N, C-alpha and C. Protein backbone atom coordinates (compact mmCIF):
# COMPACT_ATOMS: atom_id res chain seq x y z
N MET A 1 0.85 -1.18 0.00
CA MET A 1 0.00 0.00 0.00
C MET A 1 0.89 1.24 0.00
N THR A 2 0.61 2.14 -0.92
CA THR A 2 1.40 3.37 -0.97
C THR A 2 0.66 4.48 -0.25
N ARG A 3 1.42 5.42 0.21
CA ARG A 3 0.82 6.56 0.91
C ARG A 3 1.25 7.84 0.24
N GLY A 4 0.58 8.90 0.59
CA GLY A 4 0.94 10.18 0.01
C GLY A 4 -0.10 10.64 -0.99
N ARG A 5 0.35 11.51 -1.84
CA ARG A 5 -0.54 12.07 -2.86
C ARG A 5 -1.02 11.02 -3.84
N PRO A 6 -2.31 11.08 -4.23
CA PRO A 6 -2.79 10.12 -5.23
C PRO A 6 -2.12 10.35 -6.58
N THR A 7 -2.13 9.32 -7.39
CA THR A 7 -1.53 9.44 -8.72
C THR A 7 -2.20 10.55 -9.50
N LYS A 8 -1.45 11.22 -10.33
CA LYS A 8 -2.04 12.26 -11.17
C LYS A 8 -1.78 11.91 -12.62
N LEU A 9 -2.54 12.54 -13.49
CA LEU A 9 -2.32 12.36 -14.91
C LEU A 9 -1.11 13.21 -15.28
N LYS A 10 -0.08 12.57 -15.80
CA LYS A 10 1.20 13.25 -15.98
C LYS A 10 1.35 13.95 -17.32
N HIS A 11 0.56 13.60 -18.30
CA HIS A 11 0.74 14.14 -19.64
C HIS A 11 -0.52 14.86 -20.11
N HIS A 12 -0.32 15.88 -20.94
CA HIS A 12 -1.45 16.65 -21.45
C HIS A 12 -2.41 15.79 -22.28
N HIS A 13 -1.87 14.84 -23.02
CA HIS A 13 -2.76 14.00 -23.84
C HIS A 13 -3.66 13.13 -22.96
N GLN A 14 -3.22 12.80 -21.75
CA GLN A 14 -4.08 12.04 -20.84
C GLN A 14 -5.26 12.90 -20.38
N VAL A 15 -4.97 14.17 -20.10
CA VAL A 15 -6.02 15.09 -19.66
C VAL A 15 -7.02 15.33 -20.80
N LEU A 16 -6.51 15.51 -22.00
CA LEU A 16 -7.40 15.69 -23.15
C LEU A 16 -8.26 14.44 -23.35
N GLY A 17 -7.66 13.27 -23.20
CA GLY A 17 -8.41 12.02 -23.30
C GLY A 17 -9.50 11.92 -22.25
N LEU A 18 -9.20 12.38 -21.04
CA LEU A 18 -10.19 12.38 -19.96
C LEU A 18 -11.37 13.27 -20.32
N VAL A 19 -11.09 14.49 -20.78
CA VAL A 19 -12.16 15.42 -21.15
C VAL A 19 -13.01 14.85 -22.29
N LEU A 20 -12.36 14.28 -23.30
CA LEU A 20 -13.10 13.71 -24.42
C LEU A 20 -13.96 12.52 -23.99
N CYS A 21 -13.41 11.64 -23.16
CA CYS A 21 -14.18 10.49 -22.68
C CYS A 21 -15.37 10.94 -21.84
N PHE A 22 -15.16 11.98 -21.04
CA PHE A 22 -16.23 12.46 -20.17
C PHE A 22 -17.37 13.08 -20.98
N TYR A 23 -17.05 13.93 -21.94
CA TYR A 23 -18.09 14.64 -22.69
C TYR A 23 -18.61 13.85 -23.89
N VAL A 24 -17.74 13.28 -24.68
CA VAL A 24 -18.18 12.59 -25.89
C VAL A 24 -18.66 11.18 -25.57
N GLY A 25 -17.94 10.48 -24.72
CA GLY A 25 -18.29 9.11 -24.39
C GLY A 25 -19.32 8.99 -23.30
N SER A 26 -19.63 10.10 -22.61
CA SER A 26 -20.60 10.09 -21.50
C SER A 26 -20.28 8.99 -20.50
N MET A 27 -19.01 8.86 -20.16
CA MET A 27 -18.60 7.80 -19.24
C MET A 27 -18.80 8.24 -17.80
N GLU A 28 -19.15 7.30 -16.94
CA GLU A 28 -19.30 7.58 -15.52
C GLU A 28 -17.93 7.67 -14.87
N GLN A 29 -17.90 8.31 -13.70
CA GLN A 29 -16.62 8.53 -13.03
C GLN A 29 -15.94 7.21 -12.66
N SER A 30 -16.69 6.22 -12.25
CA SER A 30 -16.07 4.94 -11.88
C SER A 30 -15.37 4.31 -13.08
N SER A 31 -15.99 4.41 -14.26
CA SER A 31 -15.36 3.88 -15.48
C SER A 31 -14.12 4.67 -15.84
N LEU A 32 -14.18 5.99 -15.67
CA LEU A 32 -13.02 6.83 -15.96
C LEU A 32 -11.87 6.52 -15.00
N CYS A 33 -12.20 6.26 -13.73
CA CYS A 33 -11.17 5.90 -12.75
C CYS A 33 -10.43 4.64 -13.17
N MET A 34 -11.18 3.65 -13.61
CA MET A 34 -10.55 2.40 -14.04
C MET A 34 -9.73 2.61 -15.31
N LEU A 35 -10.26 3.38 -16.24
CA LEU A 35 -9.59 3.60 -17.52
C LEU A 35 -8.28 4.37 -17.35
N PHE A 36 -8.30 5.41 -16.50
CA PHE A 36 -7.12 6.25 -16.34
C PHE A 36 -6.26 5.87 -15.14
N GLY A 37 -6.71 4.92 -14.33
CA GLY A 37 -5.92 4.45 -13.21
C GLY A 37 -5.67 5.51 -12.16
N ALA A 38 -6.68 6.32 -11.88
CA ALA A 38 -6.54 7.38 -10.90
C ALA A 38 -7.77 7.38 -9.99
N PRO A 39 -7.62 7.82 -8.74
CA PRO A 39 -8.76 7.86 -7.83
C PRO A 39 -9.76 8.96 -8.20
N PRO A 40 -10.99 8.85 -7.68
CA PRO A 40 -12.03 9.82 -8.02
C PRO A 40 -11.64 11.27 -7.71
N SER A 41 -10.98 11.50 -6.59
CA SER A 41 -10.61 12.88 -6.24
C SER A 41 -9.66 13.48 -7.27
N THR A 42 -8.72 12.69 -7.76
CA THR A 42 -7.78 13.17 -8.77
C THR A 42 -8.50 13.47 -10.07
N LEU A 43 -9.40 12.56 -10.48
CA LEU A 43 -10.13 12.79 -11.72
C LEU A 43 -11.02 14.02 -11.63
N SER A 44 -11.69 14.21 -10.50
CA SER A 44 -12.55 15.39 -10.34
C SER A 44 -11.74 16.67 -10.42
N ARG A 45 -10.62 16.70 -9.72
CA ARG A 45 -9.75 17.89 -9.72
C ARG A 45 -9.19 18.15 -11.11
N THR A 46 -8.73 17.11 -11.78
CA THR A 46 -8.15 17.25 -13.11
C THR A 46 -9.20 17.70 -14.11
N LEU A 47 -10.39 17.13 -14.03
CA LEU A 47 -11.47 17.50 -14.95
C LEU A 47 -11.87 18.96 -14.74
N ALA A 48 -11.97 19.40 -13.49
CA ALA A 48 -12.33 20.79 -13.21
C ALA A 48 -11.28 21.75 -13.78
N ARG A 49 -10.02 21.43 -13.59
CA ARG A 49 -8.95 22.29 -14.12
C ARG A 49 -8.93 22.27 -15.65
N ALA A 50 -9.16 21.11 -16.23
CA ALA A 50 -9.15 21.01 -17.69
C ALA A 50 -10.32 21.78 -18.28
N GLU A 51 -11.49 21.72 -17.64
CA GLU A 51 -12.65 22.48 -18.12
C GLU A 51 -12.38 23.98 -18.05
N ALA A 52 -11.75 24.43 -16.97
CA ALA A 52 -11.42 25.86 -16.83
C ALA A 52 -10.43 26.28 -17.91
N ALA A 53 -9.42 25.45 -18.17
CA ALA A 53 -8.43 25.77 -19.20
C ALA A 53 -9.07 25.78 -20.58
N LEU A 54 -9.96 24.84 -20.84
CA LEU A 54 -10.64 24.77 -22.13
C LEU A 54 -11.55 25.98 -22.32
N ALA A 55 -12.27 26.37 -21.28
CA ALA A 55 -13.14 27.54 -21.36
C ALA A 55 -12.33 28.80 -21.64
N GLN A 56 -11.18 28.92 -20.99
CA GLN A 56 -10.32 30.09 -21.22
C GLN A 56 -9.76 30.08 -22.64
N ALA A 57 -9.35 28.92 -23.11
CA ALA A 57 -8.77 28.82 -24.46
C ALA A 57 -9.81 29.11 -25.54
N LEU A 58 -11.06 28.74 -25.30
CA LEU A 58 -12.10 28.90 -26.31
C LEU A 58 -12.88 30.20 -26.19
N SER A 59 -12.62 30.99 -25.15
CA SER A 59 -13.35 32.25 -25.01
C SER A 59 -12.96 33.18 -26.16
N GLY A 60 -13.94 33.75 -26.78
CA GLY A 60 -13.69 34.61 -27.92
C GLY A 60 -13.60 33.87 -29.25
N TYR A 61 -13.65 32.56 -29.24
CA TYR A 61 -13.62 31.77 -30.47
C TYR A 61 -15.06 31.47 -30.86
N ALA A 62 -15.57 32.21 -31.83
CA ALA A 62 -17.00 32.17 -32.18
C ALA A 62 -17.55 30.77 -32.49
N PRO A 63 -16.84 29.92 -33.26
CA PRO A 63 -17.42 28.60 -33.55
C PRO A 63 -17.60 27.71 -32.32
N ALA A 64 -16.96 28.05 -31.20
CA ALA A 64 -17.07 27.22 -30.00
C ALA A 64 -18.26 27.62 -29.13
N ARG A 65 -18.97 28.65 -29.50
CA ARG A 65 -20.09 29.08 -28.67
C ARG A 65 -21.40 28.50 -29.18
N ILE A 66 -22.35 28.42 -28.29
CA ILE A 66 -23.68 27.94 -28.65
C ILE A 66 -24.56 29.17 -28.83
N SER A 67 -25.23 29.24 -29.95
CA SER A 67 -26.13 30.37 -30.19
C SER A 67 -27.43 29.85 -30.80
N TRP A 68 -28.50 30.53 -30.50
CA TRP A 68 -29.80 30.15 -31.02
C TRP A 68 -30.10 30.96 -32.27
N PRO A 69 -30.75 30.35 -33.24
CA PRO A 69 -31.16 31.11 -34.43
C PRO A 69 -32.26 32.11 -34.05
N SER A 70 -32.39 33.14 -34.85
CA SER A 70 -33.45 34.13 -34.62
C SER A 70 -34.81 33.43 -34.76
N PRO A 71 -35.87 34.03 -34.19
CA PRO A 71 -37.20 33.41 -34.32
C PRO A 71 -37.62 33.18 -35.78
N ALA A 72 -37.27 34.11 -36.66
CA ALA A 72 -37.61 33.93 -38.09
C ALA A 72 -36.85 32.73 -38.67
N ARG A 73 -35.58 32.61 -38.32
CA ARG A 73 -34.77 31.48 -38.81
C ARG A 73 -35.28 30.16 -38.22
N GLN A 74 -35.70 30.19 -36.94
CA GLN A 74 -36.27 28.99 -36.32
C GLN A 74 -37.50 28.52 -37.08
N ALA A 75 -38.36 29.46 -37.46
CA ALA A 75 -39.58 29.10 -38.19
C ALA A 75 -39.25 28.48 -39.54
N LYS A 76 -38.27 29.06 -40.25
CA LYS A 76 -37.86 28.50 -41.55
C LYS A 76 -37.30 27.09 -41.39
N LEU A 77 -36.43 26.92 -40.40
CA LEU A 77 -35.84 25.60 -40.16
C LEU A 77 -36.91 24.58 -39.76
N ALA A 78 -37.87 25.01 -38.94
CA ALA A 78 -38.94 24.11 -38.50
C ALA A 78 -39.77 23.62 -39.69
N LYS A 79 -40.03 24.50 -40.65
CA LYS A 79 -40.78 24.09 -41.84
C LYS A 79 -39.99 23.08 -42.67
N LEU A 80 -38.68 23.27 -42.77
CA LEU A 80 -37.85 22.32 -43.52
C LEU A 80 -37.79 20.96 -42.84
N VAL A 81 -37.68 20.98 -41.51
CA VAL A 81 -37.65 19.72 -40.77
C VAL A 81 -38.99 19.00 -40.89
N GLU A 82 -40.08 19.75 -40.76
CA GLU A 82 -41.41 19.14 -40.86
C GLU A 82 -41.67 18.58 -42.25
N ALA A 83 -41.14 19.21 -43.28
CA ALA A 83 -41.29 18.68 -44.64
C ALA A 83 -40.60 17.33 -44.77
N ARG A 84 -39.50 17.17 -44.07
CA ARG A 84 -38.74 15.92 -44.13
C ARG A 84 -39.32 14.86 -43.20
N GLU A 85 -39.70 15.29 -41.99
CA GLU A 85 -40.24 14.39 -40.97
C GLU A 85 -41.54 14.99 -40.43
N PRO A 86 -42.70 14.62 -40.97
CA PRO A 86 -43.98 15.25 -40.60
C PRO A 86 -44.34 15.17 -39.11
N LEU A 87 -43.84 14.18 -38.41
CA LEU A 87 -44.17 14.07 -36.98
C LEU A 87 -43.39 15.06 -36.12
N LEU A 88 -42.36 15.66 -36.66
CA LEU A 88 -41.56 16.63 -35.91
C LEU A 88 -42.03 18.04 -36.23
N GLN A 89 -43.06 18.45 -35.54
CA GLN A 89 -43.60 19.79 -35.77
C GLN A 89 -42.93 20.78 -34.82
N ASN A 90 -42.71 22.00 -35.29
CA ASN A 90 -42.11 23.08 -34.50
C ASN A 90 -40.73 22.70 -33.96
N THR A 91 -39.98 21.93 -34.72
CA THR A 91 -38.64 21.51 -34.33
C THR A 91 -37.64 22.14 -35.29
N PHE A 92 -36.65 22.83 -34.73
CA PHE A 92 -35.64 23.45 -35.60
C PHE A 92 -34.24 22.94 -35.34
N GLY A 93 -34.07 22.08 -34.34
CA GLY A 93 -32.74 21.54 -34.07
C GLY A 93 -32.83 20.33 -33.16
N PHE A 94 -31.70 19.64 -33.02
CA PHE A 94 -31.63 18.42 -32.23
C PHE A 94 -30.40 18.48 -31.34
N ILE A 95 -30.49 17.92 -30.15
CA ILE A 95 -29.32 17.85 -29.28
C ILE A 95 -28.97 16.40 -28.92
N ASP A 96 -29.59 15.46 -29.57
CA ASP A 96 -29.36 14.06 -29.24
C ASP A 96 -28.43 13.35 -30.21
N GLY A 97 -27.78 14.11 -31.07
CA GLY A 97 -26.88 13.51 -32.04
C GLY A 97 -27.54 13.17 -33.36
N LYS A 98 -28.84 13.39 -33.46
CA LYS A 98 -29.56 13.11 -34.71
C LYS A 98 -29.19 14.18 -35.72
N ASN A 99 -28.80 13.78 -36.90
CA ASN A 99 -28.42 14.73 -37.94
C ASN A 99 -29.34 14.56 -39.15
N PHE A 100 -30.14 15.56 -39.41
CA PHE A 100 -30.95 15.60 -40.61
C PHE A 100 -30.37 16.68 -41.51
N ARG A 101 -30.11 16.35 -42.75
CA ARG A 101 -29.63 17.36 -43.68
C ARG A 101 -30.81 18.24 -44.05
N VAL A 102 -30.68 19.53 -43.80
CA VAL A 102 -31.74 20.49 -44.09
C VAL A 102 -31.15 21.55 -45.00
N SER A 103 -31.83 21.84 -46.10
CA SER A 103 -31.33 22.87 -47.00
C SER A 103 -32.50 23.67 -47.53
N PHE A 104 -32.19 24.90 -47.90
CA PHE A 104 -33.22 25.76 -48.47
C PHE A 104 -33.39 25.43 -49.94
N ILE A 105 -34.63 25.50 -50.40
CA ILE A 105 -34.92 25.19 -51.80
C ILE A 105 -34.92 26.46 -52.60
């Protein structure tokens, strides 16, 4: 049994992998602990610091922000989606990973 500070992620690519697994893979903390070989406290601390660094790096970078279309644009998109999928009324976007190609005619 070792004592002292818990193991930390030593390389930047490990931290990036942690952030990607957490957000893209939707992995639970217990799975991340096993995958990265670090205790929960270390992963929580590392993830918090990585999120802060990522937020700082992406501030001011327009493609990284989330923005809503104007109400007029929402209405146009909703009509295009409904033309493609009649059961989806008043829908202009998806957040579940569903991708429908929508284009103006």
